[in-house]
C-alpha atoms as a PDB file:
ATOM      1  CA  MET A   1     168.929-246.702  52.307  1.00  0.00           C
ATOM      2  CA  GLU A   2     170.802-245.745  54.582  1.00  0.00           C
ATOM      3  CA  LEU A   3     171.735-247.547  58.097  1.00  0.00           C
ATOM      4  CA  GLU A   4     173.781-247.307  61.390  1.00  0.00           C
ATOM      5  CA  ILE A   5     175.186-250.025  63.323  1.00  0.00           C
ATOM      6  CA  ILE A   6     174.770-249.099  66.877  1.00  0.00           C
ATOM      7  CA  GLU A   7     177.516-249.667  68.924  1.00  0.00           C
ATOM      8  CA  LYS A   8     176.366-251.008  71.909  1.00  0.00           C
ATOM      9  CA  ALA A   9     175.646-254.832  73.600  1.00  0.00           C
ATOM     10  CA  LEU A  10     171.520-254.816  73.982  1.00  0.00           C
ATOM     11  CA  THR A  11     169.930-256.881  76.352  1.00  0.00           C
ATOM     12  CA  VAL A  12     166.434-258.447  75.408  1.00  0.00           C
ATOM     13  CA  CYS A  13     164.482-259.008  78.645  1.00  0.00           C
ATOM     14  CA  LYS A  14     161.356-259.141  80.346  1.00  0.00           C
ATOM     15  CA  VAL A  15     161.191-257.709  83.482  1.00  0.00           C
ATOM     16  CA  ARG A  16     158.374-257.154  86.597  1.00  0.00           C
ATOM     17  CA  ASP A  17     158.038-253.750  86.976  1.00  0.00           C
ATOM     18  CA  VAL A  18     158.365-250.707  85.644  1.00  0.00           C
ATOM     19  CA  LYS A  19     159.817-248.965  88.405  1.00  0.00           C
ATOM     20  CA  ASP A  20     163.294-251.940  87.860  1.00  0.00           C
ATOM     21  CA  ILE A  21     164.236-249.466  84.512  1.00  0.00           C
ATOM     22  CA  ASP A  22     166.580-246.870  84.887  1.00  0.00           C
ATOM     23  CA  LEU A  23     164.558-244.510  82.997  1.00  0.00           C
ATOM     24  CA  SER A  24     167.871-242.050  82.837  1.00  0.00           C
ATOM     25  CA  ALA A  25     169.526-244.452  80.294  1.00  0.00           C
ATOM     26  CA  GLY A  26     170.836-243.040  77.026  1.00  0.00           C
ATOM     27  CA  PHE A  27     169.277-246.039  75.334  1.00  0.00           C
ATOM     28  CA  TYR A  28     166.294-248.395  75.894  1.00  0.00           C
ATOM     29  CA  PHE A  29     162.966-249.682  74.316  1.00  0.00           C
ATOM     30  CA  ILE A  30     160.257-250.355  76.529  1.00  0.00           C
ATOM     31  CA  GLY A  31     157.167-252.437  75.441  1.00  0.00           C
ATOM     32  CA  ARG A  32     154.031-253.108  77.771  1.00  0.00           C
ATOM     33  CA  THR A  33     150.899-254.945  77.288  1.00  0.00           C
ATOM     34  CA  ASP A  34     148.237-256.715  79.654  1.00  0.00           C
ATOM     35  CA  GLY A  35     150.925-259.610  79.641  1.00  0.00           C
ATOM     36  CA  GLU A  36     154.496-258.268  79.679  1.00  0.00           C
ATOM     37  CA  ILE A  37     156.582-255.324  80.141  1.00  0.00           C
ATOM     38  CA  SER A  38     159.868-256.199  77.856  1.00  0.00           C
ATOM     39  CA  LEU A  39     162.982-254.133  77.866  1.00  0.00           C
ATOM     40  CA  VAL A  40     165.696-253.514  75.435  1.00  0.00           C
ATOM     41  CA  CYS A  41     168.904-252.081  77.470  1.00  0.00           C
ATOM     42  CA  GLU A  42     172.528-252.171  76.900  1.00  0.00           C
ATOM     43  CA  THR A  43     173.632-255.363  78.900  1.00  0.00           C
ATOM     44  CA  PRO A  44     175.397-253.221  81.942  1.00  0.00           C
ATOM     45  CA  LEU A  45     172.570-251.465  82.729  1.00  0.00           C
ATOM     46  CA  THR A  46     170.021-254.704  82.501  1.00  0.00           C
ATOM     47  CA  PRO A  47     167.820-254.868  86.040  1.00  0.00           C
ATOM     48  CA  GLU A  48     169.062-257.668  88.389  1.00  0.00           C
ATOM     49  CA  SER A  49     165.792-258.715  88.364  1.00  0.00           C
ATOM     50  CA  THR A  50     164.698-259.407  85.105  1.00  0.00           C
ATOM     51  CA  ALA A  51     161.345-262.629  84.901  1.00  0.00           C
ATOM     52  CA  ALA A  52     163.498-264.261  81.870  1.00  0.00           C
ATOM     53  CA  ARG A  53     166.629-262.339  79.786  1.00  0.00           C
ATOM     54  CA  GLU A  54     168.879-262.564  76.735  1.00  0.00           C
ATOM     55  CA  ASP A  55     172.099-260.901  75.779  1.00  0.00           C
ATOM     56  CA  GLY A  56     173.922-260.914  73.073  1.00  0.00           C
ATOM     57  CA  TRP A  57     172.476-258.159  70.544  1.00  0.00           C
ATOM     58  CA  ARG A  58     173.488-256.224  68.268  1.00  0.00           C
ATOM     59  CA  ALA A  59     171.637-253.366  66.330  1.00  0.00           C
ATOM     60  CA  PHE A  60     171.354-251.068  63.667  1.00  0.00           C
ATOM     61  CA  ARG A  61     168.767-248.471  62.954  1.00  0.00           C
ATOM     62  CA  ILE A  62     167.557-247.167  59.956  1.00  0.00           C
ATOM     63  CA  CYS A  63     169.114-243.764  59.263  1.00  0.00           C
ATOM     64  CA  GLY A  64     165.965-240.551  58.755  1.00  0.00           C
ATOM     65  CA  THR A  65     163.040-240.518  59.808  1.00  0.00           C
ATOM     66  CA  LEU A  66     160.363-242.912  58.238  1.00  0.00           C
ATOM     67  CA  ASP A  67     156.813-241.765  56.711  1.00  0.00           C
ATOM     68  CA  PHE A  68     154.277-243.826  57.652  1.00  0.00           C
ATOM     69  CA  SER A  69     153.116-243.887  54.285  1.00  0.00           C
ATOM     70  CA  LEU A  70     156.481-246.331  53.016  1.00  0.00           C
ATOM     71  CA  ILE A  71     155.795-249.778  52.653  1.00  0.00           C
ATOM     72  CA  GLY A  72     157.914-252.574  53.284  1.00  0.00           C
ATOM     73  CA  ILE A  73     161.251-251.757  54.229  1.00  0.00           C
ATOM     74  CA  LEU A  74     161.583-253.516  57.753  1.00  0.00           C
ATOM     75  CA  SER A  75     159.725-257.155  55.593  1.00  0.00           C
ATOM     76  CA  LYS A  76     163.010-256.329  52.896  1.00  0.00           C
ATOM     77  CA  ILE A  77     165.413-256.306  55.488  1.00  0.00           C
ATOM     78  CA  SER A  78     164.100-259.080  57.290  1.00  0.00           C
ATOM     79  CA  GLY A  79     163.832-261.111  54.676  1.00  0.00           C
ATOM     80  CA  ALA A  80     167.251-260.691  53.661  1.00  0.00           C
ATOM     81  CA  LEU A  81     168.511-262.138  56.338  1.00  0.00           C
ATOM     82  CA  ALA A  82     165.978-264.236  57.328  1.00  0.00           C
ATOM     83  CA  GLU A  83     166.974-266.374  53.500  1.00  0.00           C
ATOM     84  CA  ASN A  84     170.391-265.860  54.833  1.00  0.00           C
ATOM     85  CA  GLY A  85     169.124-267.955  57.905  1.00  0.00           C
ATOM     86  CA  ILE A  86     169.739-264.420  60.930  1.00  0.00           C
ATOM     87  CA  GLY A  87     166.837-264.563  62.965  1.00  0.00           C
ATOM     88  CA  ILE A  88     165.536-261.151  64.095  1.00  0.00           C
ATOM     89  CA  PHE A  89     164.290-258.755  66.914  1.00  0.00           C
ATOM     90  CA  ALA A  90     162.725-255.930  65.783  1.00  0.00           C
ATOM     91  CA  VAL A  91     161.573-252.617  67.681  1.00  0.00           C
ATOM     92  CA  SER A  92     159.800-249.374  66.243  1.00  0.00           C
ATOM     93  CA  THR A  93     159.909-245.706  67.258  1.00  0.00           C
ATOM     94  CA  TYR A  94     158.160-243.097  65.908  1.00  0.00           C
ATOM     95  CA  ASP A  95     160.777-242.006  63.567  1.00  0.00           C
ATOM     96  CA  THR A  96     162.416-245.010  62.408  1.00  0.00           C
ATOM     97  CA  ASP A  97     162.918-248.883  63.310  1.00  0.00           C
ATOM     98  CA  TYR A  98     165.753-250.743  65.101  1.00  0.00           C
ATOM     99  CA  ILE A  99     166.954-254.199  64.295  1.00  0.00           C
ATOM    100  CA  LEU A 100     168.457-256.746  65.802  1.00  0.00           C
ATOM    101  CA  VAL A 101     170.578-259.688  65.394  1.00  0.00           C
ATOM    102  CA  LYS A 102     172.851-261.534  67.604  1.00  0.00           C
ATOM    103  CA  GLU A 103     176.300-260.449  68.375  1.00  0.00           C
ATOM    104  CA  GLU A 104     177.654-263.408  66.440  1.00  0.00           C
ATOM    105  CA  ASN A 105     175.142-262.532  63.291  1.00  0.00           C
ATOM    106  CA  LEU A 106     176.722-258.805  63.062  1.00  0.00           C
ATOM    107  CA  GLY A 107     179.134-259.494  60.330  1.00  0.00           C
ATOM    108  CA  ARG A 108     177.067-261.579  58.369  1.00  0.00           C
ATOM    109  CA  ALA A 109     174.284-259.226  58.789  1.00  0.00           C
ATOM    110  CA  VAL A 110     175.960-256.013  57.595  1.00  0.00           C
ATOM    111  CA  LYS A 111     177.064-258.511  54.574  1.00  0.00           C
ATOM    112  CA  ALA A 112     173.996-259.795  53.657  1.00  0.00           C
ATOM    113  CA  LEU A 113     171.820-256.062  53.367  1.00  0.00           C
ATOM    114  CA  GLU A 114     174.866-254.697  51.533  1.00  0.00           C
ATOM    115  CA  ASN A 115     174.647-257.201  49.213  1.00  0.00           C
ATOM    116  CA  GLU A 116     171.239-256.076  48.730  1.00  0.00           C
ATOM    117  CA  GLY A 117     172.424-252.782  48.154  1.00  0.00           C
ATOM    118  CA  TYR A 118     172.401-250.957  51.744  1.00  0.00           C
ATOM    119  CA  ILE A 119     174.966-248.681  53.071  1.00  0.00           C
ATOM    120  CA  PHE A 120     176.364-248.886  56.328  1.00  0.00           C
ATOM    121  CA  LYS A 121     177.204-245.691  57.690  1.00  0.00           C
END
């Protein structure tokens, strides 16, 4: 399976209101529940008025479109990273999954996944 590194520094944060989010940005994820609004965005585009934030994330995506009938893809990736002591923050879209790791763990994450047969393009 092919993976692709996203060449952007990312921030994971909580925002108070969606109006604080720059919806014209090229890369972001918004998650809203009855308890919070979470945002993953490029670090330089992080809203000034966050309720909480954590900088220093990097991401990679599973290449291609994943069929909903596929089982265990994210589990296998997260398991391989967990075995190497690497925590993740995962985001899924309609087409694919994105796995975020802390910047300092990116090299180790790539190596761990390559050892499991994943290919980075």
